[in-house]
Amino acid sequence: MLKINTPVVSVDWLLENMNQPNLVILDGTMKNVTWEKNEFEKSNKSIPNARFIDIKNTFSDTTSLFPNTMLSVEDFQEQAQLIGIKKDTAIVVYDTIGIYTSPRIWWMFKSMGHHNIAVLDGGFPEWISKCFPTEIESEFKGERGDFIADYNRNYFTNKNDILNIISNNNKTIIDARSEDRFHGTKSEPREGLRCGHIPTSLNVHYNDLLSNGRLKSNKDLQHVFKEKLQKEDSVVFSCGSGITACILALGAEVSGFKNSSVYDGSWTEWGSLHELPIEN
């Protein structure tokens, strides 16, 4: 049985391991993300045997006031089983931008106790650049999986946790949004949100970790994080709506920073609740 021991795998590795019996490839593309260039979204092509995992409508709590909110343990387990995930499944997840939404899937499964999972470095664009095989995407109609969720609360942080961090200065908060959004000099893409950032937070744009849709080298990633963190620091990553914060969580893990959490509500929650403090 295939066991994945690294948070990121290459397209060459995936091609070599595609016939492993316990491997499941997930397409974690978020459809209609209008502020990101995504030339492959409308192509209807996928990596062979990939199963679509719908972050927006199925793997998020659509009853929440805020987008991309993490599912309950029971609902996550149910949805994972419906796409055929088993206890021993080795998962490789990709998206059609490169590395954008796939780390969110990686982080959610890890929070539910499933660590046999990796992000495909460079995603579908990298796969296409190597002229590797594709097929027309199709709905998964296989058997139900036996995945069992075992939630670890340490993977996600809520607004009350953030208020406690601000008061006690006991963790570092890093915001993955662009510098102009962080400082409030550019309007938020979601209507009605205040501009600025969480008090005490630092800024590392998620694009600082990427080069042509792939993660930068370990050396470069370590350089990015060492400017903000010590290896022993506990850190919470935030962003606009809990998606690109997971890119920072991925980069941090690859470069050896282990004490990470993601603020699930991120700025969509914080910026909309006027009783919460902000800075510019």
C-alpha atoms as a PDB file:
ATOM      1  CA  MET A   1       0.000   0.000   0.000  1.00  0.00           C
ATOM      2  CA  LEU A   2       1.206   3.464  -0.920  1.00  0.00           C
ATOM      3  CA  LYS A   3       2.220   5.662   2.007  1.00  0.00           C
ATOM      4  CA  ILE A   4       2.919   9.348   1.374  1.00  0.00           C
ATOM      5  CA  ASN A   5       5.477  10.813   3.773  1.00  0.00           C
ATOM      6  CA  THR A   6       5.861  14.305   2.368  1.00  0.00           C
ATOM      7  CA  PRO A   7       3.357  17.191   2.135  1.00  0.00           C
ATOM      8  CA  VAL A   8       4.154  17.843  -1.536  1.00  0.00           C
ATOM      9  CA  VAL A   9       4.767  15.475  -4.466  1.00  0.00           C
ATOM     10  CA  SER A  10       5.888  16.184  -8.023  1.00  0.00           C
ATOM     11  CA  VAL A  11       3.954  15.423 -11.194  1.00  0.00           C
ATOM     12  CA  ASP A  12       6.679  12.920 -12.135  1.00  0.00           C
ATOM     13  CA  TRP A  13       6.141  11.099  -8.833  1.00  0.00           C
ATOM     14  CA  LEU A  14       2.399  11.015  -9.431  1.00  0.00           C
ATOM     15  CA  LEU A  15       2.782   9.618 -12.935  1.00  0.00           C
ATOM     16  CA  GLU A  16       5.008   6.850 -11.584  1.00  0.00           C
ATOM     17  CA  ASN A  17       2.528   5.949  -8.822  1.00  0.00           C
ATOM     18  CA  MET A  18      -0.793   6.327 -10.627  1.00  0.00           C
ATOM     19  CA  ASN A  19      -1.479   2.584 -10.618  1.00  0.00           C
ATOM     20  CA  GLN A  20      -1.079   2.139  -6.873  1.00  0.00           C
ATOM     21  CA  PRO A  21      -4.307   0.449  -5.702  1.00  0.00           C
ATOM     22  CA  ASN A  22      -4.951   2.753  -2.738  1.00  0.00           C
ATOM     23  CA  LEU A  23      -4.174   6.041  -4.536  1.00  0.00           C
ATOM     24  CA  VAL A  24      -6.969   8.591  -5.023  1.00  0.00           C
ATOM     25  CA  ILE A  25      -6.369  11.790  -6.984  1.00  0.00           C
ATOM     26  CA  LEU A  26      -8.596  14.717  -6.025  1.00  0.00           C
ATOM     27  CA  ASP A  27      -9.265  17.790  -8.144  1.00  0.00           C
ATOM     28  CA  GLY A  28      -9.695  20.488  -5.518  1.00  0.00           C
ATOM     29  CA  THR A  29     -10.291  23.384  -7.919  1.00  0.00           C
ATOM     30  CA  MET A  30     -12.670  26.054  -6.676  1.00  0.00           C
ATOM     31  CA  LYS A  31     -14.825  26.970  -9.648  1.00  0.00           C
ATOM     32  CA  ASN A  32     -15.428  30.584 -10.733  1.00  0.00           C
ATOM     33  CA  VAL A  33     -12.681  32.239  -8.692  1.00  0.00           C
ATOM     34  CA  THR A  34     -12.819  35.399 -10.781  1.00  0.00           C
ATOM     35  CA  TRP A  35      -9.843  37.215  -9.242  1.00  0.00           C
ATOM     36  CA  GLU A  36      -7.390  34.412 -10.099  1.00  0.00           C
ATOM     37  CA  LYS A  37      -6.233  33.520 -13.614  1.00  0.00           C
ATOM     38  CA  ASN A  38      -7.375  29.960 -14.308  1.00  0.00           C
ATOM     39  CA  GLU A  39      -6.990  29.090 -17.973  1.00  0.00           C
ATOM     40  CA  PHE A  40      -7.767  25.395 -17.430  1.00  0.00           C
ATOM     41  CA  GLU A  41     -11.035  25.758 -15.511  1.00  0.00           C
ATOM     42  CA  LYS A  42     -13.257  25.597 -18.617  1.00  0.00           C
ATOM     43  CA  SER A  43     -11.316  22.844 -20.372  1.00  0.00           C
ATOM     44  CA  ASN A  44     -13.280  19.929 -18.823  1.00  0.00           C
ATOM     45  CA  LYS A  45      -9.995  18.011 -18.687  1.00  0.00           C
ATOM     46  CA  SER A  46      -8.571  16.332 -15.627  1.00  0.00           C
ATOM     47  CA  ILE A  47      -5.771  14.050 -14.555  1.00  0.00           C
ATOM     48  CA  PRO A  48      -6.907  10.459 -15.289  1.00  0.00           C
ATOM     49  CA  ASN A  49      -9.236   9.005 -12.635  1.00  0.00           C
ATOM     50  CA  ALA A  50      -9.308  12.259 -10.651  1.00  0.00           C
ATOM     51  CA  ARG A  51     -12.359  12.851  -8.481  1.00  0.00           C
ATOM     52  CA  PHE A  52     -13.722  16.363  -8.060  1.00  0.00           C
ATOM     53  CA  ILE A  53     -13.966  17.624  -4.483  1.00  0.00           C
ATOM     54  CA  ASP A  54     -16.224  20.677  -4.240  1.00  0.00           C
ATOM     55  CA  ILE A  55     -14.803  22.973  -1.563  1.00  0.00           C
ATOM     56  CA  LYS A  56     -17.442  25.647  -2.037  1.00  0.00           C
ATOM     57  CA  ASN A  57     -20.663  23.659  -1.983  1.00  0.00           C
ATOM     58  CA  THR A  58     -19.937  20.250  -0.460  1.00  0.00           C
ATOM     59  CA  PHE A  59     -16.804  20.496   1.690  1.00  0.00           C
ATOM     60  CA  SER A  60     -17.837  23.744   3.360  1.00  0.00           C
ATOM     61  CA  ASP A  61     -20.664  24.531   5.759  1.00  0.00           C
ATOM     62  CA  THR A  62     -23.064  26.347   3.431  1.00  0.00           C
ATOM     63  CA  THR A  63     -25.272  27.333   6.389  1.00  0.00           C
ATOM     64  CA  SER A  64     -22.492  29.500   7.802  1.00  0.00           C
ATOM     65  CA  LEU A  65     -22.525  33.283   7.448  1.00  0.00           C
ATOM     66  CA  PHE A  66     -18.973  33.091   6.085  1.00  0.00           C
ATOM     67  CA  PRO A  67     -17.603  31.280   3.014  1.00  0.00           C
ATOM     68  CA  ASN A  68     -15.467  28.131   3.131  1.00  0.00           C
ATOM     69  CA  THR A  69     -16.291  27.387   6.772  1.00  0.00           C
ATOM     70  CA  MET A  70     -15.053  23.977   7.897  1.00  0.00           C
ATOM     71  CA  LEU A  71     -17.640  21.177   8.016  1.00  0.00           C
ATOM     72  CA  SER A  72     -18.604  19.380  11.188  1.00  0.00           C
ATOM     73  CA  VAL A  73     -16.769  16.126  11.845  1.00  0.00           C
ATOM     74  CA  GLU A  74     -19.841  14.089  10.943  1.00  0.00           C
ATOM     75  CA  ASP A  75     -20.487  15.955   7.685  1.00  0.00           C
ATOM     76  CA  PHE A  76     -16.847  15.820   6.624  1.00  0.00           C
ATOM     77  CA  GLN A  77     -16.730  12.087   7.213  1.00  0.00           C
ATOM     78  CA  GLU A  78     -19.934  11.610   5.228  1.00  0.00           C
ATOM     79  CA  GLN A  79     -18.730  13.643   2.245  1.00  0.00           C
ATOM     80  CA  ALA A  80     -15.312  11.973   2.218  1.00  0.00           C
ATOM     81  CA  GLN A  81     -16.952   8.552   2.195  1.00  0.00           C
ATOM     82  CA  LEU A  82     -19.219   9.585  -0.689  1.00  0.00           C
ATOM     83  CA  ILE A  83     -16.192  10.268  -2.912  1.00  0.00           C
ATOM     84  CA  GLY A  84     -14.755   6.883  -2.012  1.00  0.00           C
ATOM     85  CA  ILE A  85     -12.110   7.838   0.556  1.00  0.00           C
ATOM     86  CA  LYS A  86     -11.042   4.889   2.694  1.00  0.00           C
ATOM     87  CA  LYS A  87      -9.024   4.598   5.886  1.00  0.00           C
ATOM     88  CA  ASP A  88      -5.951   3.495   3.921  1.00  0.00           C
ATOM     89  CA  THR A  89      -6.372   5.852   0.944  1.00  0.00           C
ATOM     90  CA  ALA A  90      -3.303   7.755  -0.205  1.00  0.00           C
ATOM     91  CA  ILE A  91      -4.541  11.110  -1.512  1.00  0.00           C
ATOM     92  CA  VAL A  92      -2.895  13.491  -3.956  1.00  0.00           C
ATOM     93  CA  VAL A  93      -4.819  16.723  -4.390  1.00  0.00           C
ATOM     94  CA  TYR A  94      -4.341  19.321  -7.117  1.00  0.00           C
ATOM     95  CA  ASP A  95      -6.038  22.376  -8.590  1.00  0.00           C
ATOM     96  CA  THR A  96      -6.061  23.995 -12.004  1.00  0.00           C
ATOM     97  CA  ILE A  97      -4.295  27.203 -10.939  1.00  0.00           C
ATOM     98  CA  GLY A  98      -1.125  25.497  -9.671  1.00  0.00           C
ATOM     99  CA  ILE A  99      -1.103  25.707  -5.900  1.00  0.00           C
ATOM    100  CA  TYR A 100      -4.128  27.640  -4.723  1.00  0.00           C
ATOM    101  CA  THR A 101      -7.085  25.689  -3.313  1.00  0.00           C
ATOM    102  CA  SER A 102      -5.396  22.282  -3.075  1.00  0.00           C
ATOM    103  CA  PRO A 103      -3.611  23.084   0.222  1.00  0.00           C
ATOM    104  CA  ARG A 104      -7.021  23.772   1.798  1.00  0.00           C
ATOM    105  CA  ILE A 105      -8.070  20.183   1.005  1.00  0.00           C
ATOM    106  CA  TRP A 106      -4.730  18.905   2.338  1.00  0.00           C
ATOM    107  CA  TRP A 107      -5.175  20.854   5.579  1.00  0.00           C
ATOM    108  CA  MET A 108      -8.797  19.765   6.098  1.00  0.00           C
ATOM    109  CA  PHE A 109      -7.968  16.078   5.737  1.00  0.00           C
ATOM    110  CA  LYS A 110      -4.999  16.424   8.091  1.00  0.00           C
ATOM    111  CA  SER A 111      -7.266  18.099  10.653  1.00  0.00           C
ATOM    112  CA  MET A 112      -9.534  15.056  10.401  1.00  0.00           C
ATOM    113  CA  GLY A 113      -6.686  12.687  11.196  1.00  0.00           C
ATOM    114  CA  HIS A 114      -5.842  11.613   7.636  1.00  0.00           C
ATOM    115  CA  HIS A 115      -2.144  12.297   7.038  1.00  0.00           C
ATOM    116  CA  ASN A 116      -1.609  10.052   4.016  1.00  0.00           C
ATOM    117  CA  ILE A 117      -2.102  13.023   1.710  1.00  0.00           C
ATOM    118  CA  ALA A 118       0.001  15.429  -0.360  1.00  0.00           C
ATOM    119  CA  VAL A 119      -0.427  18.452  -2.609  1.00  0.00           C
ATOM    120  CA  LEU A 120       0.627  18.130  -6.242  1.00  0.00           C
ATOM    121  CA  ASP A 121       3.359  20.689  -6.815  1.00  0.00           C
ATOM    122  CA  GLY A 122       2.365  22.927  -9.712  1.00  0.00           C
ATOM    123  CA  GLY A 123      -1.007  21.232 -10.029  1.00  0.00           C
ATOM    124  CA  PHE A 124      -2.712  20.750 -13.380  1.00  0.00           C
ATOM    125  CA  PRO A 125      -0.652  23.409 -15.254  1.00  0.00           C
ATOM    126  CA  GLU A 126       2.541  21.547 -14.348  1.00  0.00           C
ATOM    127  CA  TRP A 127       0.954  18.238 -15.380  1.00  0.00           C
ATOM    128  CA  ILE A 128      -0.018  19.726 -18.754  1.00  0.00           C
ATOM    129  CA  SER A 129       3.428  21.261 -19.245  1.00  0.00           C
ATOM    130  CA  LYS A 130       4.903  17.746 -19.168  1.00  0.00           C
ATOM    131  CA  CYS A 131       2.380  16.535 -21.754  1.00  0.00           C
ATOM    132  CA  PHE A 132       1.146  13.906 -19.319  1.00  0.00           C
ATOM    133  CA  PRO A 133      -2.169  12.137 -20.084  1.00  0.00           C
ATOM    134  CA  THR A 134      -5.549  13.721 -19.410  1.00  0.00           C
ATOM    135  CA  GLU A 135      -9.167  12.690 -19.733  1.00  0.00           C
ATOM    136  CA  ILE A 136     -12.572  14.366 -19.811  1.00  0.00           C
ATOM    137  CA  GLU A 137     -13.631  14.964 -16.214  1.00  0.00           C
ATOM    138  CA  SER A 138     -16.492  12.790 -15.008  1.00  0.00           C
ATOM    139  CA  GLU A 139     -18.572  12.325 -11.884  1.00  0.00           C
ATOM    140  CA  PHE A 140     -17.328   9.714  -9.405  1.00  0.00           C
ATOM    141  CA  LYS A 141     -19.656   6.722  -9.300  1.00  0.00           C
ATOM    142  CA  GLY A 142     -17.526   4.235  -7.390  1.00  0.00           C
ATOM    143  CA  GLU A 143     -18.155   2.541  -4.078  1.00  0.00           C
ATOM    144  CA  ARG A 144     -18.513   4.398  -0.792  1.00  0.00           C
ATOM    145  CA  GLY A 145     -15.386   4.619   1.336  1.00  0.00           C
ATOM    146  CA  ASP A 146     -14.908   3.705   4.984  1.00  0.00           C
ATOM    147  CA  PHE A 147     -13.061   6.891   6.006  1.00  0.00           C
ATOM    148  CA  ILE A 148     -13.341   7.719   9.720  1.00  0.00           C
ATOM    149  CA  ALA A 149     -12.743  11.307  10.825  1.00  0.00           C
ATOM    150  CA  ASP A 150     -10.695  11.979  13.961  1.00  0.00           C
ATOM    151  CA  TYR A 151     -10.756  15.757  14.373  1.00  0.00           C
ATOM    152  CA  ASN A 152      -7.796  17.606  15.889  1.00  0.00           C
ATOM    153  CA  ARG A 153      -8.963  21.062  16.973  1.00  0.00           C
ATOM    154  CA  ASN A 154      -5.397  22.403  16.899  1.00  0.00           C
ATOM    155  CA  TYR A 155      -5.546  22.703  13.116  1.00  0.00           C
ATOM    156  CA  PHE A 156      -8.150  25.480  13.165  1.00  0.00           C
ATOM    157  CA  THR A 157      -8.557  28.694  15.160  1.00  0.00           C
ATOM    158  CA  ASN A 158     -11.670  30.815  15.741  1.00  0.00           C
ATOM    159  CA  LYS A 159     -12.186  34.509  16.474  1.00  0.00           C
ATOM    160  CA  ASN A 160     -12.203  33.978  20.242  1.00  0.00           C
ATOM    161  CA  ASP A 161      -8.835  32.256  19.992  1.00  0.00           C
ATOM    162  CA  ILE A 162      -7.557  35.227  17.985  1.00  0.00           C
ATOM    163  CA  LEU A 163      -8.776  37.703  20.605  1.00  0.00           C
ATOM    164  CA  ASN A 164      -6.937  35.683  23.253  1.00  0.00           C
ATOM    165  CA  ILE A 165      -3.771  35.677  21.152  1.00  0.00           C
ATOM    166  CA  ILE A 166      -3.953  39.462  20.731  1.00  0.00           C
ATOM    167  CA  SER A 167      -4.418  39.949  24.480  1.00  0.00           C
ATOM    168  CA  ASN A 168      -1.670  37.573  25.570  1.00  0.00           C
ATOM    169  CA  ASN A 169       0.720  37.857  22.626  1.00  0.00           C
ATOM    170  CA  ASN A 170       1.323  34.107  22.879  1.00  0.00           C
ATOM    171  CA  LYS A 171       1.280  33.250  19.173  1.00  0.00           C
ATOM    172  CA  THR A 172       2.263  34.883  15.904  1.00  0.00           C
ATOM    173  CA  ILE A 173      -0.517  35.728  13.438  1.00  0.00           C
ATOM    174  CA  ILE A 174       0.492  35.870   9.768  1.00  0.00           C
ATOM    175  CA  ASP A 175      -1.869  37.182   7.093  1.00  0.00           C
ATOM    176  CA  ALA A 176      -1.565  35.727   3.562  1.00  0.00           C
ATOM    177  CA  ARG A 177      -3.354  38.592   1.777  1.00  0.00           C
ATOM    178  CA  SER A 178      -1.541  41.087  -0.427  1.00  0.00           C
ATOM    179  CA  GLU A 179       0.299  43.966   1.223  1.00  0.00           C
ATOM    180  CA  ASP A 180      -2.182  46.583  -0.002  1.00  0.00           C
ATOM    181  CA  ARG A 181      -5.135  44.651   1.426  1.00  0.00           C
ATOM    182  CA  PHE A 182      -3.237  44.037   4.665  1.00  0.00           C
ATOM    183  CA  HIS A 183      -2.622  47.773   5.119  1.00  0.00           C
ATOM    184  CA  GLY A 184      -6.101  48.733   3.968  1.00  0.00           C
ATOM    185  CA  THR A 185      -5.006  50.743   0.932  1.00  0.00           C
ATOM    186  CA  LYS A 186      -6.987  48.485  -1.417  1.00  0.00           C
ATOM    187  CA  SER A 187     -10.647  47.607  -1.097  1.00  0.00           C
ATOM    188  CA  GLU A 188     -11.587  44.055  -0.206  1.00  0.00           C
ATOM    189  CA  PRO A 189     -13.003  41.926  -3.056  1.00  0.00           C
ATOM    190  CA  ARG A 190     -15.991  41.025  -0.892  1.00  0.00           C
ATOM    191  CA  GLU A 191     -18.474  43.859  -0.463  1.00  0.00           C
ATOM    192  CA  GLY A 192     -19.044  45.204   3.040  1.00  0.00           C
ATOM    193  CA  LEU A 193     -15.743  44.202   4.624  1.00  0.00           C
ATOM    194  CA  ARG A 194     -13.671  46.712   6.546  1.00  0.00           C
ATOM    195  CA  CYS A 195     -10.117  47.291   5.342  1.00  0.00           C
ATOM    196  CA  GLY A 196      -7.009  46.595   7.387  1.00  0.00           C
ATOM    197  CA  HIS A 197      -5.687  43.680   9.405  1.00  0.00           C
ATOM    198  CA  ILE A 198      -5.895  41.880  12.745  1.00  0.00           C
ATOM    199  CA  PRO A 199      -3.919  43.739  15.445  1.00  0.00           C
ATOM    200  CA  THR A 200      -0.385  42.329  16.046  1.00  0.00           C
ATOM    201  CA  SER A 201      -0.527  40.311  12.812  1.00  0.00           C
ATOM    202  CA  LEU A 202       2.303  40.200  10.277  1.00  0.00           C
ATOM    203  CA  ASN A 203       2.051  39.948   6.508  1.00  0.00           C
ATOM    204  CA  VAL A 204       3.427  37.273   4.159  1.00  0.00           C
ATOM    205  CA  HIS A 205       1.627  37.225   0.818  1.00  0.00           C
ATOM    206  CA  TYR A 206       0.988  33.658  -0.288  1.00  0.00           C
ATOM    207  CA  ASN A 207       2.572  34.443  -3.671  1.00  0.00           C
ATOM    208  CA  ASP A 208       5.892  34.964  -1.865  1.00  0.00           C
ATOM    209  CA  LEU A 209       5.999  31.171  -1.438  1.00  0.00           C
ATOM    210  CA  LEU A 210       5.354  30.376  -5.103  1.00  0.00           C
ATOM    211  CA  SER A 211       7.191  30.518  -8.397  1.00  0.00           C
ATOM    212  CA  ASN A 212       5.263  29.767 -11.594  1.00  0.00           C
ATOM    213  CA  GLY A 213       2.570  27.957  -9.636  1.00  0.00           C
ATOM    214  CA  ARG A 214       4.999  25.739  -7.725  1.00  0.00           C
ATOM    215  CA  LEU A 215       6.379  25.993  -4.218  1.00  0.00           C
ATOM    216  CA  LYS A 216       9.758  27.664  -3.997  1.00  0.00           C
ATOM    217  CA  SER A 217      12.764  25.675  -2.797  1.00  0.00           C
ATOM    218  CA  ASN A 218      13.046  24.695   0.854  1.00  0.00           C
ATOM    219  CA  LYS A 219      15.868  27.208   1.232  1.00  0.00           C
ATOM    220  CA  ASP A 220      13.736  30.030  -0.152  1.00  0.00           C
ATOM    221  CA  LEU A 221      10.737  29.035   1.978  1.00  0.00           C
ATOM    222  CA  GLN A 222      12.865  28.943   5.108  1.00  0.00           C
ATOM    223  CA  HIS A 223      14.169  32.409   4.275  1.00  0.00           C
ATOM    224  CA  VAL A 224      10.608  33.768   3.967  1.00  0.00           C
ATOM    225  CA  PHE A 225       9.529  32.343   7.318  1.00  0.00           C
ATOM    226  CA  LYS A 226      12.739  33.034   9.244  1.00  0.00           C
ATOM    227  CA  GLU A 227      12.114  36.748   8.746  1.00  0.00           C
ATOM    228  CA  LYS A 228       8.898  36.349  10.766  1.00  0.00           C
ATOM    229  CA  LEU A 229       9.252  33.231  12.928  1.00  0.00           C
ATOM    230  CA  GLN A 230      11.465  31.114  15.111  1.00  0.00           C
ATOM    231  CA  LYS A 231      11.169  27.329  14.663  1.00  0.00           C
ATOM    232  CA  GLU A 232       9.570  26.938  18.098  1.00  0.00           C
ATOM    233  CA  ASP A 233       6.958  29.668  17.549  1.00  0.00           C
ATOM    234  CA  SER A 234       3.267  28.822  17.399  1.00  0.00           C
ATOM    235  CA  VAL A 235       1.672  30.539  14.419  1.00  0.00           C
ATOM    236  CA  VAL A 236      -1.837  31.150  13.129  1.00  0.00           C
ATOM    237  CA  PHE A 237      -2.274  31.770   9.417  1.00  0.00           C
ATOM    238  CA  SER A 238      -5.098  33.968   8.190  1.00  0.00           C
ATOM    239  CA  CYS A 239      -6.178  35.246   4.757  1.00  0.00           C
ATOM    240  CA  GLY A 240      -9.386  36.380   3.064  1.00  0.00           C
ATOM    241  CA  SER A 241     -11.575  33.320   3.606  1.00  0.00           C
ATOM    242  CA  GLY A 242      -9.410  30.461   4.866  1.00  0.00           C
ATOM    243  CA  ILE A 243      -8.068  29.277   1.499  1.00  0.00           C
ATOM    244  CA  THR A 244      -4.672  30.903   0.872  1.00  0.00           C
ATOM    245  CA  ALA A 245      -3.805  30.715   4.585  1.00  0.00           C
ATOM    246  CA  CYS A 246      -3.416  26.991   3.898  1.00  0.00           C
ATOM    247  CA  ILE A 247      -0.738  27.775   1.291  1.00  0.00           C
ATOM    248  CA  LEU A 248       1.259  29.348   4.110  1.00  0.00           C
ATOM    249  CA  ALA A 249       0.558  26.317   6.317  1.00  0.00           C
ATOM    250  CA  LEU A 250       1.856  24.065   3.543  1.00  0.00           C
ATOM    251  CA  GLY A 251       4.981  26.146   3.006  1.00  0.00           C
ATOM    252  CA  ALA A 252       5.623  26.284   6.733  1.00  0.00           C
ATOM    253  CA  GLU A 253       5.402  22.509   7.089  1.00  0.00           C
ATOM    254  CA  VAL A 254       7.654  21.900   4.101  1.00  0.00           C
ATOM    255  CA  SER A 255      10.291  24.217   5.581  1.00  0.00           C
ATOM    256  CA  GLY A 256      10.129  22.733   9.070  1.00  0.00           C
ATOM    257  CA  PHE A 257       7.774  25.043  10.973  1.00  0.00           C
ATOM    258  CA  LYS A 258       5.330  22.655  12.646  1.00  0.00           C
ATOM    259  CA  ASN A 259       3.244  24.605  15.198  1.00  0.00           C
ATOM    260  CA  SER A 260       0.646  25.956  12.765  1.00  0.00           C
ATOM    261  CA  SER A 261      -3.071  26.651  12.794  1.00  0.00           C
ATOM    262  CA  VAL A 262      -5.445  28.288  10.291  1.00  0.00           C
ATOM    263  CA  TYR A 263      -8.008  30.926  11.237  1.00  0.00           C
ATOM    264  CA  ASP A 264     -11.056  29.451   9.555  1.00  0.00           C
ATOM    265  CA  GLY A 265     -13.141  32.637   9.359  1.00  0.00           C
ATOM    266  CA  SER A 266     -10.138  34.760   8.393  1.00  0.00           C
ATOM    267  CA  TRP A 267     -10.701  38.340   7.220  1.00  0.00           C
ATOM    268  CA  THR A 268     -14.188  37.635   5.860  1.00  0.00           C
ATOM    269  CA  GLU A 269     -15.311  37.049   9.430  1.00  0.00           C
ATOM    270  CA  TRP A 270     -12.996  39.492  11.218  1.00  0.00           C
ATOM    271  CA  GLY A 271     -13.559  42.343   8.783  1.00  0.00           C
ATOM    272  CA  SER A 272     -17.347  42.009   8.887  1.00  0.00           C
ATOM    273  CA  LEU A 273     -17.754  42.009  12.686  1.00  0.00           C
ATOM    274  CA  HIS A 274     -17.461  45.627  13.744  1.00  0.00           C
ATOM    275  CA  GLU A 275     -16.917  44.805  17.417  1.00  0.00           C
ATOM    276  CA  LEU A 276     -13.548  43.230  16.556  1.00  0.00           C
ATOM    277  CA  PRO A 277     -10.456  45.490  16.546  1.00  0.00           C
ATOM    278  CA  ILE A 278      -8.504  46.261  13.373  1.00  0.00           C
ATOM    279  CA  GLU A 279      -5.318  48.058  12.384  1.00  0.00           C
ATOM    280  CA  ASN A 280      -4.201  49.601   9.086  1.00  0.00           C
END
